[in-house]
Amino acid sequence: QVQLVESGGGSVQAGGSLRLSCAANGYIYCMAWFRQAPGKEREGVAYIYTVDTVTYYADSVKGRFTISRDSAKNTLYLQMNSLKPEDTGMYYCAATQGGLCSLSLHSLRNYYWGQGTQVTVSS
């Protein structure tokens, strides 16, 4: 059973930075970050393959966020810089044990999920 525990959320002012962490147990093939703002559907932020570390970012976060993984610790990170108020939301760590990585809503059912960590960016 895959278990994911997020941490690192908090409140920052626009332009600030946060680093989210996700500790995982069990074999992981793909790890990703999703987020959900109040009244909005969940959206993909970034993903990384554990085998070759290929990454992908949503257009809204390109150049500002960096996804990475410490294979020795089986931990996923999301470094978030130049944060904007629209980045506010609950951030969820997600992982698969097979199949393609994807940020599509069609992929949501393929992921194991953490409980989320809140990120609030004030203007």
Protein backbone atom coordinates (compact mmCIF):
# COMPACT_ATOMS: atom_id res chain seq x y z
CA GLN A 1 0.00 0.00 0.00
CA VAL A 2 1.42 3.34 -1.07
CA GLN A 3 1.42 6.02 1.59
CA LEU A 4 2.13 9.67 0.85
CA VAL A 5 2.62 12.42 3.41
CA GLU A 6 2.93 16.05 2.33
CA SER A 7 4.53 18.84 4.29
CA GLY A 8 5.92 22.31 3.79
CA GLY A 9 2.79 24.30 3.10
CA GLY A 10 2.15 27.64 4.69
CA SER A 11 1.33 31.27 4.12
CA VAL A 12 3.61 33.60 2.20
CA GLN A 13 3.40 36.93 0.47
CA ALA A 14 3.42 37.21 -3.29
CA GLY A 15 6.92 36.77 -4.63
CA GLY A 16 7.91 34.47 -1.81
CA SER A 17 8.93 30.83 -1.89
CA LEU A 18 7.89 27.55 -0.37
CA ARG A 19 9.26 24.06 -0.65
CA LEU A 20 6.80 21.21 -0.43
CA SER A 21 7.86 17.70 0.45
CA CYS A 22 6.14 14.37 -0.01
CA ALA A 23 7.47 11.31 1.72
CA ALA A 24 6.46 8.07 0.06
CA ASN A 25 6.44 4.44 1.09
CA GLY A 26 6.47 1.63 -1.40
CA TYR A 27 7.47 1.41 -5.02
CA ILE A 28 6.75 4.55 -7.02
CA TYR A 29 6.80 4.84 -10.80
CA CYS A 30 5.60 8.40 -11.19
CA MET A 31 5.19 11.20 -8.70
CA ALA A 32 3.21 14.35 -9.28
CA TRP A 33 1.80 17.43 -7.65
CA PHE A 34 -1.76 18.58 -8.08
CA ARG A 35 -3.53 21.51 -6.51
CA GLN A 36 -7.07 22.60 -5.89
CA ALA A 37 -8.37 26.05 -5.12
CA PRO A 38 -11.77 26.64 -3.51
CA GLY A 39 -14.53 26.30 -6.06
CA LYS A 40 -12.22 24.91 -8.72
CA GLU A 41 -11.46 21.43 -9.92
CA ARG A 42 -8.17 19.79 -9.19
CA GLU A 43 -5.41 20.68 -11.62
CA GLY A 44 -2.04 19.18 -12.35
CA VAL A 45 1.07 21.14 -11.45
CA ALA A 46 4.04 18.96 -12.36
CA TYR A 47 5.20 15.39 -12.54
CA ILE A 48 8.42 13.43 -12.57
CA TYR A 49 9.21 9.89 -13.64
CA THR A 50 11.24 8.05 -11.04
CA VAL A 51 13.20 6.00 -13.59
CA ASP A 52 14.66 8.69 -15.85
CA THR A 53 13.61 11.85 -13.96
CA VAL A 54 11.80 13.25 -16.99
CA THR A 55 9.65 16.13 -15.82
CA TYR A 56 6.68 18.10 -17.05
CA TYR A 57 5.13 21.32 -15.83
CA ALA A 58 1.83 23.02 -16.28
CA ASP A 59 2.16 26.24 -18.25
CA SER A 60 1.03 28.26 -15.26
CA VAL A 61 4.06 27.27 -13.19
CA LYS A 62 6.82 26.90 -15.77
CA GLY A 63 9.91 28.83 -14.81
CA ARG A 64 8.74 29.27 -11.23
CA PHE A 65 8.28 25.76 -9.85
CA THR A 66 10.75 22.90 -9.86
CA ILE A 67 9.83 19.30 -9.18
CA SER A 68 12.52 16.94 -8.00
CA ARG A 69 12.98 13.68 -6.19
CA ASP A 70 15.46 12.25 -3.75
CA SER A 71 15.52 8.60 -4.71
CA ALA A 72 17.43 7.57 -1.60
CA LYS A 73 14.72 9.03 0.62
CA ASN A 74 11.86 8.23 -1.76
CA THR A 75 10.75 11.81 -1.29
CA LEU A 76 9.23 14.23 -3.76
CA TYR A 77 9.81 17.97 -3.64
CA LEU A 78 8.20 20.98 -5.20
CA GLN A 79 10.24 24.15 -4.98
CA MET A 80 7.89 27.06 -5.56
CA ASN A 81 9.41 30.45 -6.27
CA SER A 82 7.89 33.76 -7.27
CA LEU A 83 4.60 32.69 -5.81
CA LYS A 84 1.44 34.42 -6.94
CA PRO A 85 -1.95 34.70 -5.22
CA GLU A 86 -3.39 32.41 -7.90
CA ASP A 87 -1.06 29.68 -6.66
CA THR A 88 -3.15 29.48 -3.51
CA GLY A 89 -4.73 26.11 -2.92
CA MET A 90 -4.44 22.71 -1.39
CA TYR A 91 -1.46 20.91 -2.86
CA TYR A 92 -1.61 17.16 -3.17
CA CYS A 93 1.17 14.71 -3.71
CA ALA A 94 0.24 11.87 -6.04
CA ALA A 95 1.97 8.71 -7.16
CA THR A 96 1.48 5.78 -9.47
CA GLN A 97 3.06 2.36 -9.54
CA GLY A 98 2.80 2.03 -13.29
CA GLY A 99 1.50 3.60 -16.46
CA LEU A 100 2.20 7.01 -17.91
CA CYS A 101 2.56 10.15 -15.89
CA SER A 102 -0.08 12.70 -16.74
CA LEU A 103 -1.61 15.88 -15.39
CA SER A 104 -4.85 15.26 -17.21
CA LEU A 105 -8.03 14.90 -15.20
CA HIS A 106 -8.38 11.53 -16.89
CA SER A 107 -5.35 10.36 -14.93
CA LEU A 108 -6.65 11.17 -11.46
CA ARG A 109 -8.05 7.71 -10.89
CA ASN A 110 -4.62 6.19 -11.53
CA TYR A 111 -2.96 7.96 -8.61
CA TYR A 112 -2.50 7.30 -4.96
CA TRP A 113 -3.01 10.51 -3.00
CA GLY A 114 -1.65 12.25 0.02
CA GLN A 115 -3.85 14.29 2.33
CA GLY A 116 -2.65 17.62 1.00
CA THR A 117 -0.89 20.65 2.38
CA GLN A 118 -2.31 24.16 2.21
CA VAL A 119 -0.48 26.92 0.36
CA THR A 120 -1.73 30.46 0.77
CA VAL A 121 -0.18 33.35 -1.13
CA SER A 122 -1.28 36.84 -0.17
CA SER A 123 -0.99 39.90 -2.35
